[in-house]
Amino acid sequence: MLTGEMVRLFRICLGLKQSELAKEANVNQTLISKVELGERQISHELSKQLRTFFHLQGISDSDLLMINSTLKLARENKKGMK
């Protein structure tokens, strides 16, 4: 599952601006911004487009799963520290 947090992380790692990622995914920059902020859910179609782009950049499904697990663990640890 692709999350806004993951989209932002991969976009930054790839050195892209939101507008550049939006162009690659054939959507507007506002949608990418709202997805990254958690204000919009990622549709099945957008998820497919982003995953295809990330795959072309060398980011595999295994990478996506690993990052998702790492981010989840980090959030849980942060909650436990409060």
C-alpha atoms as a PDB file:
ATOM      1  CA  MET A   1       0.000   0.000   0.000  1.00  0.00           C
ATOM      2  CA  LEU A   2       1.345   3.374  -1.015  1.00  0.00           C
ATOM      3  CA  THR A   3       0.893   6.219   1.465  1.00  0.00           C
ATOM      4  CA  GLY A   4       1.335   9.963   1.158  1.00  0.00           C
ATOM      5  CA  GLU A   5       4.267   9.745   3.527  1.00  0.00           C
ATOM      6  CA  MET A   6       5.927   7.218   1.228  1.00  0.00           C
ATOM      7  CA  VAL A   7       5.234   9.321  -1.855  1.00  0.00           C
ATOM      8  CA  ARG A   8       6.908  12.310  -0.216  1.00  0.00           C
ATOM      9  CA  LEU A   9       9.899  10.266   0.913  1.00  0.00           C
ATOM     10  CA  PHE A  10      10.501   8.699  -2.500  1.00  0.00           C
ATOM     11  CA  ARG A  11       9.958  12.020  -4.277  1.00  0.00           C
ATOM     12  CA  ILE A  12      12.561  13.689  -2.087  1.00  0.00           C
ATOM     13  CA  CYS A  13      14.977  10.766  -2.452  1.00  0.00           C
ATOM     14  CA  LEU A  14      14.639  11.051  -6.222  1.00  0.00           C
ATOM     15  CA  GLY A  15      15.335  14.792  -6.026  1.00  0.00           C
ATOM     16  CA  LEU A  16      12.004  15.758  -7.549  1.00  0.00           C
ATOM     17  CA  LYS A  17       9.723  18.703  -6.911  1.00  0.00           C
ATOM     18  CA  GLN A  18       6.033  17.983  -6.439  1.00  0.00           C
ATOM     19  CA  SER A  19       5.361  19.495  -9.854  1.00  0.00           C
ATOM     20  CA  GLU A  20       7.878  17.157 -11.482  1.00  0.00           C
ATOM     21  CA  LEU A  21       6.346  14.072  -9.882  1.00  0.00           C
ATOM     22  CA  ALA A  22       2.884  15.317 -10.821  1.00  0.00           C
ATOM     23  CA  LYS A  23       3.963  15.616 -14.452  1.00  0.00           C
ATOM     24  CA  GLU A  24       5.318  12.054 -14.422  1.00  0.00           C
ATOM     25  CA  ALA A  25       2.062  10.761 -12.890  1.00  0.00           C
ATOM     26  CA  ASN A  26      -0.059  12.892 -15.250  1.00  0.00           C
ATOM     27  CA  VAL A  27      -1.820  14.713 -12.396  1.00  0.00           C
ATOM     28  CA  ASN A  28      -1.588  18.240 -11.028  1.00  0.00           C
ATOM     29  CA  GLN A  29       0.795  19.381  -8.303  1.00  0.00           C
ATOM     30  CA  THR A  30      -2.067  20.195  -5.927  1.00  0.00           C
ATOM     31  CA  LEU A  31      -3.112  16.537  -5.858  1.00  0.00           C
ATOM     32  CA  ILE A  32       0.439  15.415  -5.031  1.00  0.00           C
ATOM     33  CA  SER A  33       0.592  18.009  -2.252  1.00  0.00           C
ATOM     34  CA  LYS A  34      -2.728  16.892  -0.758  1.00  0.00           C
ATOM     35  CA  VAL A  35      -1.717  13.228  -0.975  1.00  0.00           C
ATOM     36  CA  GLU A  36       1.584  13.919   0.783  1.00  0.00           C
ATOM     37  CA  LEU A  37      -0.195  15.885   3.525  1.00  0.00           C
ATOM     38  CA  GLY A  38      -2.757  13.123   4.015  1.00  0.00           C
ATOM     39  CA  GLU A  39      -5.608  15.354   2.863  1.00  0.00           C
ATOM     40  CA  ARG A  40      -6.456  13.074  -0.084  1.00  0.00           C
ATOM     41  CA  GLN A  41      -6.386   9.322  -0.373  1.00  0.00           C
ATOM     42  CA  ILE A  42      -4.425   7.727  -3.168  1.00  0.00           C
ATOM     43  CA  SER A  43      -6.789   6.285  -5.749  1.00  0.00           C
ATOM     44  CA  HIS A  44      -6.093   2.906  -7.286  1.00  0.00           C
ATOM     45  CA  GLU A  45      -5.224   4.591 -10.583  1.00  0.00           C
ATOM     46  CA  LEU A  46      -2.830   7.114  -9.011  1.00  0.00           C
ATOM     47  CA  SER A  47      -1.196   4.357  -6.979  1.00  0.00           C
ATOM     48  CA  LYS A  48      -0.643   2.385 -10.173  1.00  0.00           C
ATOM     49  CA  GLN A  49       0.836   5.416 -11.967  1.00  0.00           C
ATOM     50  CA  LEU A  50       3.168   6.295  -9.072  1.00  0.00           C
ATOM     51  CA  ARG A  51       4.288   2.709  -8.543  1.00  0.00           C
ATOM     52  CA  THR A  52       5.073   2.368 -12.240  1.00  0.00           C
ATOM     53  CA  PHE A  53       7.115   5.580 -12.136  1.00  0.00           C
ATOM     54  CA  PHE A  54       8.931   4.500  -8.955  1.00  0.00           C
ATOM     55  CA  HIS A  55       9.686   1.099 -10.511  1.00  0.00           C
ATOM     56  CA  LEU A  56      11.192   2.809 -13.541  1.00  0.00           C
ATOM     57  CA  GLN A  57      13.411   4.751 -11.123  1.00  0.00           C
ATOM     58  CA  GLY A  58      14.642   1.495  -9.541  1.00  0.00           C
ATOM     59  CA  ILE A  59      12.316   1.409  -6.516  1.00  0.00           C
ATOM     60  CA  SER A  60      10.909  -2.111  -6.208  1.00  0.00           C
ATOM     61  CA  ASP A  61       7.817  -3.456  -4.466  1.00  0.00           C
ATOM     62  CA  SER A  62      10.174  -4.808  -1.793  1.00  0.00           C
ATOM     63  CA  ASP A  63      11.501  -1.283  -1.250  1.00  0.00           C
ATOM     64  CA  LEU A  64       7.940   0.025  -0.930  1.00  0.00           C
ATOM     65  CA  LEU A  65       7.067  -2.636   1.664  1.00  0.00           C
ATOM     66  CA  MET A  66      10.277  -2.067   3.625  1.00  0.00           C
ATOM     67  CA  ILE A  67       9.726   1.695   3.786  1.00  0.00           C
ATOM     68  CA  ASN A  68       6.080   1.227   4.765  1.00  0.00           C
ATOM     69  CA  SER A  69       7.120  -1.078   7.635  1.00  0.00           C
ATOM     70  CA  THR A  70       9.898   1.268   8.734  1.00  0.00           C
ATOM     71  CA  LEU A  71       7.601   4.300   8.779  1.00  0.00           C
ATOM     72  CA  LYS A  72       4.964   2.362  10.729  1.00  0.00           C
ATOM     73  CA  LEU A  73       7.547   1.276  13.312  1.00  0.00           C
ATOM     74  CA  ALA A  74       8.879   4.838  13.617  1.00  0.00           C
ATOM     75  CA  ARG A  75       5.354   6.165  14.255  1.00  0.00           C
ATOM     76  CA  GLU A  76       4.761   3.496  16.919  1.00  0.00           C
ATOM     77  CA  ASN A  77       8.060   4.289  18.620  1.00  0.00           C
ATOM     78  CA  LYS A  78       7.269   8.006  18.568  1.00  0.00           C
ATOM     79  CA  LYS A  79       3.914   7.343  20.245  1.00  0.00           C
ATOM     80  CA  GLY A  80       5.617   5.214  22.898  1.00  0.00           C
ATOM     81  CA  MET A  81       8.032   8.022  23.770  1.00  0.00           C
ATOM     82  CA  LYS A  82       5.246  10.459  24.676  1.00  0.00           C
END
